[in-house]
Amino acid sequence: MKRNKLVVISLDSMGFRDLNELRDLVPNLAQLIEKGTWVKKVQGIFPTLTYPSHTSIITGQYPAVHGVVNNTKLQPRRLSPDWYWYRKDVKATPLYDVAREAGMTTAAFLWPVTAGSKIDYNLAEIFPNRIWTNQVMVSLKASSPWFLMQMNHRYGKLRHGIKQPWLDDFITACAVDTLKNKQPDLTLIHLVDMDSMRHRYGVRSDEAKAALQRLDGRVARLIRATKDAGTYDQTNFVILGDHYQINVDKMIHLNQLFAKQGWLTPVDGKTTYKGNWRVTAKTCDGETYVYTRGNVDLGKVKQVIAGVEGVEHIYDGAEAVKLGADPKCAFLVEAKPGYYFTDEVNRPAVVEKVDPASLGTHDRYHGVHGYGPNQPNYFTTAIFAGPDVREGATVEGVHLVDEGPTFAALLGLKYPAPTAGQPIRGVLKK
């Protein structure tokens, strides 16, 4: 029996509060809620970052298992560390591989951690991070080259580099074209407009609300593409967020503190530090990992961190593993709302106010995520709609890792190994 198709649209940083309180801004999403099942409160993972979250969504596993424990890698000497861009970084099986094994066609548009994957039509999320390369070269290597060239030729004029909202306009146009002309069995789309605006202007800013409205229009265009293709009646849709955001105005530079203790060595005149560290912080924005090497007194490290303004909670390594975070960390440290972490050294103080004039530059934000998923009012959310989904239903609460197994059930697929998440009861008709 041929299964229905699945289109997953991730609206980066969409939270439960967006659909609960700003419904008048999103008429198309509101219509989907009426037609389908709204999974209201989705609890994220530790840490609530885009790359670990999307990998948890698509594998049904926590970061401790799938291996994508952060957005970026620990590279102390680089002001801009490499991201977990590549499929080879994923230690669990993503659903797009399961679909491919079953003979299904797959497409992905800026879905995180898919560079170098075997997705049939793939525009990978990656950017040039070395001076000797450029966007075209890295994208061709990471994506489906011929497909990328065709899409760029047709719609490249919509882009202004990787700036928003133009990048989402480009991605939407490419996805619309693909839904019409290729009609994949599984399509994954990642739109980042609102996340960008929240980082720069704040969570409930006018700019963020305008981005939410733009996203609602893009979702309508993507659905219309399936109607134009004649596949709408055989397509299930999922519109989801990966995390929410919290407004901030202060930064915590733990590595500044560790340098004072002699645990790491700053590079002269730069905000980076040398690779011979004994204790280091690696930011997840609202949380930070702390790693240690050699013979270090963990009790002293914890005591030093505990004395810092804005630190809310310190999980030790064993607790971090139970939470599904990086098994290699000595500590996972959470900031209080209003604070976030950087990796920087050579700063004026360990805790520093964000200069409003610096917003939009590297690591300077008005809104961030990365906190533990149990912060109040910090849920993300998901809408399911289509021929295999219950109509006019709601589900109160699930975990982010339950989404992938629900996608698999909609496609009639099974992951090769047991997942941490389970199919969401109350979404599927049968």
Protein backbone atom coordinates (compact mmCIF):
# COMPACT_ATOMS: atom_id res chain seq x y z
CA MET A 1 0.00 0.00 0.00
CA LYS A 2 1.37 3.39 -1.01
CA ARG A 3 1.71 5.78 1.93
CA ASN A 4 0.83 9.46 1.87
CA LYS A 5 3.56 12.07 1.56
CA LEU A 6 4.93 14.15 4.45
CA VAL A 7 5.98 17.81 4.46
CA VAL A 8 7.66 19.06 7.66
CA ILE A 9 8.08 22.84 7.97
CA SER A 10 10.23 24.04 10.87
CA LEU A 11 9.60 27.67 11.86
CA ASP A 12 12.73 28.28 13.90
CA SER A 13 12.00 29.65 17.42
CA MET A 14 8.20 29.32 17.18
CA GLY A 15 6.81 28.76 20.67
CA PHE A 16 3.51 27.70 22.22
CA ARG A 17 2.94 31.36 23.18
CA ASP A 18 3.04 32.41 19.51
CA LEU A 19 0.07 30.23 18.55
CA ASN A 20 -1.71 30.71 21.87
CA GLU A 21 -1.48 34.52 22.09
CA LEU A 22 -0.84 35.78 18.54
CA ARG A 23 -3.34 33.65 16.60
CA ASP A 24 -4.70 36.70 14.76
CA LEU A 25 -1.30 37.15 13.08
CA VAL A 26 -1.31 33.64 11.59
CA PRO A 27 -4.61 32.93 9.75
CA ASN A 28 -3.11 30.05 7.76
CA LEU A 29 -1.70 28.31 10.83
CA ALA A 30 -5.00 28.95 12.63
CA GLN A 31 -6.81 27.19 9.79
CA LEU A 32 -4.43 24.21 10.07
CA ILE A 33 -5.14 24.01 13.82
CA GLU A 34 -8.89 23.82 13.03
CA LYS A 35 -8.32 21.16 10.35
CA GLY A 36 -5.77 19.05 12.19
CA THR A 37 -4.24 18.34 15.60
CA TRP A 38 -2.46 21.01 17.61
CA VAL A 39 0.22 19.55 19.88
CA LYS A 40 0.22 22.53 22.20
CA LYS A 41 3.24 22.29 24.50
CA VAL A 42 6.34 20.51 23.23
CA GLN A 43 9.16 20.26 25.77
CA GLY A 44 12.58 20.67 24.18
CA ILE A 45 15.93 19.08 24.92
CA PHE A 46 19.07 20.09 26.85
CA PRO A 47 20.29 22.44 25.40
CA THR A 48 17.45 24.08 23.42
CA LEU A 49 19.62 24.93 20.42
CA THR A 50 18.71 24.65 16.73
CA TYR A 51 21.13 21.91 15.60
CA PRO A 52 20.70 19.53 18.56
CA SER A 53 16.91 20.15 18.44
CA HIS A 54 16.49 19.43 14.73
CA THR A 55 18.63 16.31 15.08
CA SER A 56 16.46 15.15 18.00
CA ILE A 57 13.33 15.86 15.95
CA ILE A 58 14.52 13.77 12.99
CA THR A 59 16.12 10.89 14.95
CA GLY A 60 13.80 10.62 17.96
CA GLN A 61 16.90 10.59 20.20
CA TYR A 62 18.51 12.94 22.74
CA PRO A 63 21.86 14.65 21.99
CA ALA A 64 23.74 12.23 24.28
CA VAL A 65 22.78 9.50 21.79
CA HIS A 66 22.73 11.29 18.41
CA GLY A 67 25.99 13.18 19.08
CA VAL A 68 24.99 16.70 17.97
CA VAL A 69 25.39 18.22 21.43
CA ASN A 70 25.74 21.87 20.39
CA ASN A 71 25.38 24.17 17.38
CA THR A 72 29.14 24.71 17.12
CA LYS A 73 32.28 22.74 17.87
CA LEU A 74 34.89 23.37 20.56
CA GLN A 75 37.58 25.33 18.63
CA PRO A 76 39.08 27.81 21.13
CA ARG A 77 41.30 29.61 18.65
CA ARG A 78 38.47 30.40 16.23
CA LEU A 79 36.23 33.43 16.78
CA SER A 80 33.72 31.67 14.48
CA PRO A 81 33.89 27.93 15.23
CA ASP A 82 32.61 25.38 12.70
CA TRP A 83 29.02 24.20 13.13
CA TYR A 84 27.79 20.61 13.21
CA TRP A 85 26.93 20.90 9.53
CA TYR A 86 27.57 17.35 8.31
CA ARG A 87 25.44 14.19 8.34
CA LYS A 88 28.54 12.28 9.45
CA ASP A 89 28.27 14.07 12.83
CA VAL A 90 24.94 12.29 13.51
CA LYS A 91 25.45 9.03 15.42
CA ALA A 92 21.78 7.94 15.27
CA THR A 93 19.65 7.17 12.18
CA PRO A 94 17.75 10.16 10.77
CA LEU A 95 14.31 9.58 9.27
CA TYR A 96 15.47 10.68 5.80
CA ASP A 97 17.86 7.70 5.75
CA VAL A 98 15.05 5.35 6.85
CA ALA A 99 12.84 6.75 4.05
CA ARG A 100 15.61 6.33 1.48
CA GLU A 101 16.13 2.70 2.50
CA ALA A 102 12.39 2.16 1.95
CA GLY A 103 12.68 3.52 -1.61
CA MET A 104 11.13 6.90 -0.89
CA THR A 105 12.35 10.17 -2.41
CA THR A 106 13.56 12.85 0.00
CA ALA A 107 14.13 16.61 -0.12
CA ALA A 108 15.57 19.03 2.44
CA PHE A 109 15.90 22.81 2.47
CA LEU A 110 18.35 24.20 5.05
CA TRP A 111 17.46 21.35 7.43
CA PRO A 112 20.35 21.38 9.93
CA VAL A 113 23.09 18.73 9.91
CA THR A 114 22.32 17.33 6.44
CA ALA A 115 25.47 18.44 4.59
CA GLY A 116 26.97 15.48 2.72
CA SER A 117 23.83 13.36 3.26
CA LYS A 118 22.19 11.12 0.64
CA ILE A 119 18.98 13.19 0.49
CA ASP A 120 17.82 13.26 -3.16
CA TYR A 121 17.20 17.02 -3.37
CA ASN A 122 19.24 18.77 -0.71
CA LEU A 123 20.08 22.42 -0.13
CA ALA A 124 22.25 22.04 2.97
CA GLU A 125 22.60 24.70 5.65
CA ILE A 126 26.27 25.67 5.68
CA PHE A 127 28.37 28.80 5.26
CA PRO A 128 32.02 29.42 4.32
CA ASN A 129 34.10 29.52 7.50
CA ARG A 130 37.59 29.76 5.98
CA ILE A 131 39.05 32.71 4.04
CA TRP A 132 40.06 30.52 1.08
CA THR A 133 36.55 29.35 0.26
CA ASN A 134 33.18 30.90 -0.65
CA GLN A 135 29.44 30.18 -0.37
CA VAL A 136 29.14 28.56 -3.81
CA MET A 137 32.03 26.14 -3.20
CA VAL A 138 30.93 24.97 0.26
CA SER A 139 27.27 24.68 -0.76
CA LEU A 140 28.06 22.62 -3.87
CA LYS A 141 30.16 20.20 -1.83
CA ALA A 142 27.54 19.91 0.94
CA SER A 143 24.32 19.80 -1.13
CA SER A 144 22.95 18.01 -4.21
CA PRO A 145 25.16 19.93 -6.70
CA TRP A 146 23.04 19.85 -9.88
CA PHE A 147 19.85 20.55 -7.92
CA LEU A 148 21.52 23.48 -6.12
CA MET A 149 22.74 24.94 -9.42
CA GLN A 150 19.24 24.72 -10.92
CA MET A 151 17.59 26.32 -7.88
CA ASN A 152 20.22 29.06 -7.71
CA HIS A 153 19.78 29.80 -11.41
CA ARG A 154 16.00 30.10 -11.03
CA TYR A 155 15.70 31.83 -7.66
CA GLY A 156 19.16 33.08 -6.64
CA LYS A 157 18.10 36.67 -7.31
CA LEU A 158 15.81 36.48 -4.26
CA ARG A 159 18.79 36.05 -1.92
CA HIS A 160 21.02 38.67 -0.27
CA GLY A 161 23.68 36.23 0.94
CA ILE A 162 22.36 34.56 4.09
CA LYS A 163 20.45 37.63 5.35
CA GLN A 164 16.81 37.38 6.42
CA PRO A 165 14.03 37.63 5.33
CA TRP A 166 15.45 37.14 1.81
CA LEU A 167 17.01 33.74 2.55
CA ASP A 168 13.62 32.35 3.62
CA ASP A 169 12.07 33.80 0.44
CA PHE A 170 14.69 31.91 -1.62
CA ILE A 171 14.22 28.66 0.33
CA THR A 172 10.42 28.89 0.05
CA ALA A 173 10.63 29.42 -3.73
CA CYS A 174 12.97 26.40 -4.09
CA ALA A 175 10.71 24.22 -1.94
CA VAL A 176 7.58 25.30 -3.85
CA ASP A 177 9.30 24.42 -7.14
CA THR A 178 10.36 21.02 -5.76
CA LEU A 179 6.95 20.15 -4.27
CA LYS A 180 5.38 20.90 -7.65
CA ASN A 181 7.92 19.31 -9.98
CA LYS A 182 9.66 16.54 -7.97
CA GLN A 183 6.85 15.63 -5.53
CA PRO A 184 9.12 13.99 -2.91
CA ASP A 185 7.72 11.52 -0.39
CA LEU A 186 9.43 13.31 2.53
CA THR A 187 10.21 17.04 2.46
CA LEU A 188 11.98 18.88 5.29
CA ILE A 189 12.00 22.71 5.27
CA HIS A 190 13.73 24.98 7.80
CA LEU A 191 12.79 28.69 7.87
CA VAL A 192 14.80 31.01 10.12
CA ASP A 193 13.31 34.51 9.63
CA MET A 194 11.68 34.82 13.08
CA ASP A 195 14.64 33.34 14.97
CA SER A 196 16.92 35.95 13.36
CA MET A 197 14.57 38.80 14.27
CA ARG A 198 14.23 37.60 17.86
CA HIS A 199 18.00 37.41 18.32
CA ARG A 200 18.40 40.94 16.99
CA TYR A 201 15.29 42.78 18.23
CA GLY A 202 13.77 40.68 21.05
CA VAL A 203 11.25 37.90 21.46
CA ARG A 204 8.01 39.92 21.27
CA SER A 205 9.36 42.77 19.14
CA ASP A 206 7.41 44.21 16.23
CA GLU A 207 10.11 42.79 13.94
CA ALA A 208 9.58 39.27 15.35
CA LYS A 209 5.80 39.58 14.96
CA ALA A 210 6.23 40.75 11.35
CA ALA A 211 8.45 37.70 10.73
CA LEU A 212 5.76 35.43 12.20
CA GLN A 213 3.28 36.91 9.72
CA ARG A 214 5.72 36.38 6.83
CA LEU A 215 6.19 32.76 7.90
CA ASP A 216 2.44 32.23 7.93
CA GLY A 217 2.35 33.40 4.30
CA ARG A 218 5.23 31.10 3.35
CA VAL A 219 3.43 28.11 4.88
CA ALA A 220 0.38 28.98 2.75
CA ARG A 221 2.55 29.06 -0.40
CA LEU A 222 4.07 25.68 0.41
CA ILE A 223 0.65 24.11 0.94
CA ARG A 224 -0.62 25.71 -2.27
CA ALA A 225 2.27 24.10 -4.14
CA THR A 226 0.91 20.64 -3.27
CA LYS A 227 -2.54 21.71 -4.51
CA ASP A 228 -0.97 22.88 -7.79
CA ALA A 229 0.85 19.56 -8.04
CA GLY A 230 -2.31 17.54 -7.35
CA THR A 231 -0.70 15.92 -4.27
CA TYR A 232 -2.49 17.90 -1.53
CA ASP A 233 -5.01 15.16 -0.72
CA GLN A 234 -2.17 12.66 -0.28
CA THR A 235 0.05 14.91 1.86
CA ASN A 236 0.35 15.19 5.64
CA PHE A 237 1.79 18.47 6.94
CA VAL A 238 3.65 19.24 10.15
CA ILE A 239 4.40 22.84 11.13
CA LEU A 240 6.64 22.94 14.18
CA GLY A 241 9.06 25.00 16.23
CA ASP A 242 12.38 23.74 17.55
CA HIS A 243 12.64 25.96 20.65
CA TYR A 244 11.38 29.31 21.95
CA GLN A 245 13.50 32.34 23.03
CA ILE A 246 14.02 34.53 26.13
CA ASN A 247 15.05 38.20 26.19
CA VAL A 248 18.53 38.98 27.56
CA ASP A 249 20.63 42.00 28.47
CA LYS A 250 23.69 40.55 30.22
CA MET A 251 26.52 38.22 29.12
CA ILE A 252 28.54 35.83 31.29
CA HIS A 253 32.13 35.19 30.13
CA LEU A 254 33.13 32.13 32.19
CA ASN A 255 36.39 31.72 30.26
CA GLN A 256 37.42 35.16 31.55
CA LEU A 257 37.11 33.69 35.05
CA PHE A 258 38.93 30.48 34.10
CA ALA A 259 41.82 32.56 32.68
CA LYS A 260 42.16 34.31 36.07
CA GLN A 261 42.42 30.87 37.70
CA GLY A 262 45.22 29.95 35.26
CA TRP A 263 43.10 27.20 33.66
CA LEU A 264 43.35 28.64 30.14
CA THR A 265 45.49 31.21 28.30
CA PRO A 266 43.98 34.09 26.31
CA VAL A 267 45.41 34.97 22.90
CA ASP A 268 46.86 38.50 23.16
CA GLY A 269 44.43 41.19 22.11
CA LYS A 270 41.77 38.71 20.98
CA THR A 271 38.62 37.23 22.52
CA THR A 272 39.87 33.70 21.74
CA TYR A 273 42.19 31.50 23.84
CA LYS A 274 44.86 28.85 23.33
CA GLY A 275 44.21 25.15 22.83
CA ASN A 276 46.18 24.01 25.92
CA TRP A 277 43.28 24.70 28.33
CA ARG A 278 42.59 22.65 31.47
CA VAL A 279 39.09 24.04 32.07
CA THR A 280 36.96 25.64 29.37
CA ALA A 281 33.41 26.85 28.84
CA LYS A 282 31.68 26.14 25.51
CA THR A 283 28.58 28.24 25.05
CA CYS A 284 25.08 27.02 24.25
CA ASP A 285 23.83 30.61 24.82
CA GLY A 286 21.36 30.16 27.72
CA GLU A 287 23.48 27.26 28.98
CA THR A 288 27.16 26.45 28.68
CA TYR A 289 29.11 23.23 28.81
CA VAL A 290 32.22 23.17 30.99
CA TYR A 291 34.93 20.70 30.00
CA THR A 292 38.04 19.74 31.98
CA ARG A 293 41.32 18.00 31.12
CA GLY A 294 44.04 16.51 33.29
CA ASN A 295 44.09 16.60 37.07
CA VAL A 296 41.59 19.36 37.93
CA ASP A 297 39.73 19.79 41.23
CA LEU A 298 36.10 19.63 40.06
CA GLY A 299 34.89 20.85 43.46
CA LYS A 300 36.90 24.03 43.03
CA VAL A 301 35.67 24.52 39.45
CA LYS A 302 32.06 24.21 40.63
CA GLN A 303 32.68 26.61 43.53
CA VAL A 304 34.20 29.23 41.18
CA ILE A 305 31.23 28.97 38.78
CA ALA A 306 28.66 29.07 41.60
CA GLY A 307 29.92 32.50 42.69
CA VAL A 308 29.11 34.13 39.34
CA GLU A 309 26.18 36.53 39.01
CA GLY A 310 23.45 35.17 36.72
CA VAL A 311 24.21 31.45 37.18
CA GLU A 312 20.96 29.62 37.96
CA HIS A 313 21.93 25.95 38.04
CA ILE A 314 25.01 23.73 37.75
CA TYR A 315 24.42 20.14 36.61
CA ASP A 316 27.36 17.79 37.04
CA GLY A 317 28.43 15.36 34.30
CA ALA A 318 26.25 12.47 35.51
CA GLU A 319 23.18 14.74 35.71
CA ALA A 320 23.94 16.14 32.23
CA VAL A 321 23.91 12.61 30.78
CA LYS A 322 20.55 11.86 32.43
CA LEU A 323 19.21 15.05 30.84
CA GLY A 324 20.41 13.81 27.44
CA ALA A 325 23.24 16.35 27.08
CA ASP A 326 26.93 15.82 26.20
CA PRO A 327 28.37 12.83 28.15
CA LYS A 328 31.86 14.38 27.85
CA CYS A 329 31.11 17.54 29.85
CA ALA A 330 32.19 18.02 33.47
CA PHE A 331 29.29 20.43 34.06
CA LEU A 332 26.27 21.87 32.25
CA VAL A 333 25.64 25.37 33.61
CA GLU A 334 22.35 27.22 33.15
CA ALA A 335 21.96 31.00 33.20
CA LYS A 336 19.07 32.85 34.79
CA PRO A 337 16.62 34.37 32.28
CA GLY A 338 18.10 37.68 31.14
CA TYR A 339 21.65 36.27 31.02
CA TYR A 340 23.51 34.20 28.44
CA PHE A 341 27.03 32.79 28.04
CA THR A 342 29.84 33.52 25.59
CA ASP A 343 33.22 31.80 25.13
CA GLU A 344 35.11 35.10 25.18
CA VAL A 345 38.20 36.22 27.12
CA ASN A 346 39.91 39.63 27.35
CA ARG A 347 36.60 41.25 28.28
CA PRO A 348 36.19 44.12 30.81
CA ALA A 349 34.41 41.85 33.33
CA VAL A 350 33.12 38.30 33.81
CA VAL A 351 29.53 39.62 33.64
CA GLU A 352 28.89 42.43 31.19
CA LYS A 353 25.82 44.30 29.97
CA VAL A 354 25.06 43.95 26.26
CA ASP A 355 25.70 47.28 24.54
CA PRO A 356 22.54 47.97 22.46
CA ALA A 357 24.76 49.40 19.70
CA SER A 358 26.46 45.98 19.37
CA LEU A 359 23.24 44.02 18.68
CA GLY A 360 23.44 42.06 15.46
CA THR A 361 27.22 41.59 15.67
CA HIS A 362 28.89 38.29 16.63
CA ASP A 363 27.44 36.86 19.88
CA ARG A 364 25.52 40.05 20.75
CA TYR A 365 21.81 39.35 21.18
CA HIS A 366 18.54 40.76 22.50
CA GLY A 367 16.93 37.29 22.59
CA VAL A 368 18.49 33.82 22.93
CA HIS A 369 17.65 30.16 23.49
CA GLY A 370 19.76 27.25 24.69
CA TYR A 371 18.28 27.23 28.22
CA GLY A 372 16.99 24.05 29.82
CA PRO A 373 13.54 23.13 28.45
CA ASN A 374 11.97 23.41 31.91
CA GLN A 375 12.12 27.23 32.03
CA PRO A 376 8.59 28.65 32.53
CA ASN A 377 6.53 29.44 29.38
CA TYR A 378 9.39 28.16 27.23
CA PHE A 379 7.61 25.40 25.28
CA THR A 380 7.76 25.04 21.54
CA THR A 381 4.73 23.68 19.63
CA ALA A 382 3.59 21.64 16.59
CA ILE A 383 0.60 21.41 14.24
CA PHE A 384 -0.22 18.19 12.35
CA ALA A 385 -2.76 18.20 9.49
CA GLY A 386 -3.61 15.92 6.59
CA PRO A 387 -5.42 12.75 5.54
CA ASP A 388 -3.93 10.58 8.32
CA VAL A 389 -4.32 13.15 11.12
CA ARG A 390 -7.26 13.59 13.50
CA GLU A 391 -9.32 16.71 12.81
CA GLY A 392 -10.01 19.46 15.34
CA ALA A 393 -8.03 17.70 18.07
CA THR A 394 -5.48 18.93 20.63
CA VAL A 395 -2.72 17.18 22.55
CA GLU A 396 -1.61 18.99 25.71
CA GLY A 397 2.05 18.05 26.04
CA VAL A 398 4.80 15.86 24.54
CA HIS A 399 8.58 15.80 24.22
CA LEU A 400 10.50 16.97 21.16
CA VAL A 401 11.88 13.43 20.62
CA ASP A 402 8.29 12.18 20.08
CA GLU A 403 8.01 14.06 16.79
CA GLY A 404 10.31 11.88 14.64
CA PRO A 405 8.58 8.62 15.63
CA THR A 406 5.22 10.28 14.79
CA PHE A 407 6.59 11.26 11.34
CA ALA A 408 7.74 7.66 10.87
CA ALA A 409 4.27 6.37 11.75
CA LEU A 410 2.70 8.76 9.21
CA LEU A 411 5.05 7.40 6.54
CA GLY A 412 4.57 3.76 7.59
CA LEU A 413 8.26 3.50 8.54
CA LYS A 414 10.19 2.18 11.54
CA TYR A 415 13.54 3.35 12.86
CA PRO A 416 16.12 0.52 12.88
CA ALA A 417 16.76 0.93 16.64
CA PRO A 418 14.42 1.85 19.51
CA THR A 419 14.02 5.64 19.91
CA ALA A 420 13.77 7.72 23.09
CA GLY A 421 10.54 9.21 21.74
CA GLN A 422 7.25 7.47 20.96
CA PRO A 423 4.55 8.25 18.33
CA ILE A 424 2.26 10.93 19.76
CA ARG A 425 -1.06 9.42 20.79
CA GLY A 426 -3.97 11.53 19.68
CA VAL A 427 -2.42 12.74 16.41
CA LEU A 428 -2.99 9.79 14.08
CA LYS A 429 -6.45 8.69 12.97
CA LYS A 430 -5.52 5.06 13.50
